[in-house]
Protein backbone atom coordinates (compact mmCIF):
# COMPACT_ATOMS: atom_id res chain seq x y z
CA UNK A 1 120.45 155.30 102.28
CA UNK A 2 121.05 158.20 99.88
CA UNK A 3 119.03 156.52 97.14
CA UNK A 4 116.22 155.91 99.63
CA UNK A 5 116.29 159.61 100.45
CA UNK A 6 116.06 160.44 96.74
CA UNK A 7 112.98 158.18 96.54
CA UNK A 8 111.49 159.99 99.55
CA UNK A 9 112.10 163.47 98.12
CA UNK A 10 110.83 162.50 94.66
CA UNK A 11 107.84 160.80 96.28
CA UNK A 12 106.91 164.10 97.94
CA UNK A 13 107.25 165.81 94.55
CA UNK A 14 105.02 163.24 92.86
CA UNK A 15 102.36 163.39 95.60
CA UNK A 16 102.25 167.17 95.31
CA UNK A 17 102.10 166.98 91.54
CA UNK A 18 99.11 164.65 91.66
CA UNK A 19 97.25 166.85 94.18
CA UNK A 20 97.36 170.00 92.07
CA UNK A 21 94.78 170.29 89.29
CA UNK A 22 96.44 170.80 85.93
CA UNK A 23 94.05 173.63 85.10
CA UNK A 24 95.94 175.91 87.53
CA UNK A 25 99.42 174.87 86.39
CA UNK A 26 99.86 177.80 84.04
CA UNK A 27 98.73 180.71 86.21
CA UNK A 28 101.47 183.13 87.25
CA UNK A 29 100.24 185.08 90.28
CA UNK A 30 101.44 188.60 90.94
CA UNK A 31 104.95 188.56 92.42
CA UNK A 32 106.01 185.32 90.71
CA UNK A 33 108.08 184.81 87.53
CA UNK A 34 107.11 181.22 86.86
CA UNK A 35 104.18 178.87 87.18
CA UNK A 36 103.59 175.41 88.61
CA UNK A 37 104.32 173.67 85.28
CA UNK A 38 107.67 175.45 85.03
CA UNK A 39 108.66 174.41 88.57
CA UNK A 40 107.91 170.71 88.04
CA UNK A 41 109.70 170.73 84.69
CA UNK A 42 112.61 172.64 86.21
CA UNK A 43 113.00 169.98 88.92
CA UNK A 44 113.31 167.31 86.22
CA UNK A 45 115.68 169.38 84.07
CA UNK A 46 118.07 170.38 86.87
CA UNK A 47 118.19 166.87 88.34
CA UNK A 48 119.10 165.54 84.91
CA UNK A 49 121.79 168.17 84.46
CA UNK A 50 123.26 167.54 87.92
CA UNK A 51 123.37 163.77 87.61
CA UNK A 52 124.14 163.21 83.95
CA UNK A 53 125.30 166.33 82.10
CA UNK A 54 127.88 167.44 84.67
CA UNK A 55 129.52 164.02 84.26
CA UNK A 56 129.62 164.43 80.49
CA UNK A 57 126.73 162.04 79.83
CA UNK A 58 123.80 162.81 77.59
CA UNK A 59 120.59 163.77 79.32
CA UNK A 60 117.73 161.30 79.07
CA UNK A 61 114.93 163.84 78.90
CA UNK A 62 113.50 165.55 75.83
CA UNK A 63 115.81 168.25 74.43
CA UNK A 64 113.01 170.81 74.64
CA UNK A 65 113.21 170.74 78.44
CA UNK A 66 116.25 173.01 78.25
CA UNK A 67 114.40 175.78 76.42
CA UNK A 68 111.36 175.47 78.69
CA UNK A 69 112.82 174.72 82.12
CA UNK A 70 116.50 175.65 82.43
CA UNK A 71 117.46 178.33 84.96
CA UNK A 72 116.50 181.80 83.76
CA UNK A 73 113.68 180.65 81.47
CA UNK A 74 110.14 181.92 81.96
CA UNK A 75 106.75 180.78 80.66
CA UNK A 76 106.16 184.33 79.37
CA UNK A 77 108.92 183.66 76.82
CA UNK A 78 107.63 180.27 75.63
CA UNK A 79 106.77 180.24 71.94
CA UNK A 80 105.73 176.57 71.77
CA UNK A 81 103.38 174.39 73.79
CA UNK A 82 105.15 173.11 76.93
CA UNK A 83 105.21 169.46 77.96
CA UNK A 84 101.98 168.13 79.43
CA UNK A 85 101.31 167.08 83.00
CA UNK A 86 101.51 163.43 81.90
CA UNK A 87 104.86 163.91 80.18
CA UNK A 88 106.45 165.77 83.09
CA UNK A 89 105.06 163.18 85.50
CA UNK A 90 106.52 160.34 83.44
CA UNK A 91 109.92 162.06 83.20
CA UNK A 92 110.05 162.60 86.97
CA UNK A 93 109.05 158.99 87.66
CA UNK A 94 111.43 157.36 85.18
CA UNK A 95 114.30 159.57 86.24
CA UNK A 96 114.54 157.83 89.62
CA UNK A 97 115.44 154.44 88.16
CA UNK A 98 117.95 155.85 85.70
CA UNK A 99 119.65 157.82 88.48
CA UNK A 100 119.86 154.81 90.80
CA UNK A 101 121.43 152.71 88.08
CA UNK A 102 123.81 155.40 86.82
CA UNK A 103 125.08 156.54 90.23
CA UNK A 104 125.59 153.05 91.65
CA UNK A 105 129.02 153.18 93.33
CA UNK A 106 129.84 156.65 91.92
CA UNK A 107 128.96 159.06 94.74
CA UNK A 108 132.61 159.52 95.76
CA UNK A 109 133.72 160.12 92.17
CA UNK A 110 135.26 163.51 91.45
CA UNK A 111 133.45 165.74 88.99
CA UNK A 112 135.45 166.28 85.77
CA UNK A 113 135.56 169.96 86.79
CA UNK A 114 134.45 171.37 90.16
CA UNK A 115 131.03 172.99 89.75
CA UNK A 116 130.05 176.27 91.44
CA UNK A 117 126.33 177.02 91.55
CA UNK A 118 124.64 180.44 91.46
CA UNK A 119 124.79 180.59 95.26
CA UNK A 120 128.58 180.32 95.20
CA UNK A 121 128.71 176.76 96.56
CA UNK A 122 131.40 174.64 94.92
CA UNK A 123 130.91 170.90 94.54
CA UNK A 124 133.79 168.52 93.88
CA UNK A 125 132.15 165.09 93.89
CA UNK A 126 129.10 163.47 92.36
CA UNK A 127 127.71 162.83 95.83
CA UNK A 128 128.01 166.47 96.90
CA UNK A 129 126.07 167.60 93.84
CA UNK A 130 123.50 164.84 94.20
CA UNK A 131 122.86 165.60 97.86
CA UNK A 132 122.42 169.30 97.06
CA UNK A 133 119.83 168.37 94.44
CA UNK A 134 117.49 167.25 97.25
CA UNK A 135 117.57 170.78 98.67
CA UNK A 136 116.93 172.20 95.20
CA UNK A 137 113.94 169.94 94.63
CA UNK A 138 112.46 170.69 98.05
CA UNK A 139 112.83 174.45 97.55
CA UNK A 140 110.85 174.21 94.30
CA UNK A 141 108.15 172.13 95.98
CA UNK A 142 107.82 174.94 98.52
CA UNK A 143 107.54 177.45 95.66
CA UNK A 144 104.85 175.28 94.07
CA UNK A 145 102.91 175.30 97.34
CA UNK A 146 103.23 179.10 97.53
CA UNK A 147 102.00 179.38 93.94
CA UNK A 148 99.04 177.15 94.69
CA UNK A 149 98.11 179.21 97.77
CA UNK A 150 98.40 182.46 95.80
CA UNK A 151 96.20 181.08 93.00
CA UNK A 152 93.63 179.66 95.44
CA UNK A 153 93.32 182.95 97.33
CA UNK A 154 92.01 184.78 94.24
């Protein structure tokens, strides 16, 4: 059931990604720190970190995602060309299968070290972190929708 929910959440992300023209991905409207490209890349980066890195595994996304999309980064600070729509789309799509395979039977497993996020929430198990990642992804989809509305209203 949890993996089905991941598929549902990621499906919403992918549908939204495919509805937004790439030519508006890099606009940063007044009042925002990041753009649409950053939010989609950030979803991929954080999901990878939550599922793989916090368990001591290597992340299966390009190393450059950390410098572009980790928390606290901003497109205004990018000094290289960010990943394309196609690359981010492929990463998000392929991530689902790797997560399903990797987390099979591991949701109750204790994290090597409890993890406390920026909001002060502490997670002790893989499943707790993974379930929270759905909230994280959905909140960035909402930000993407707000960005799109702000760009379209100009």
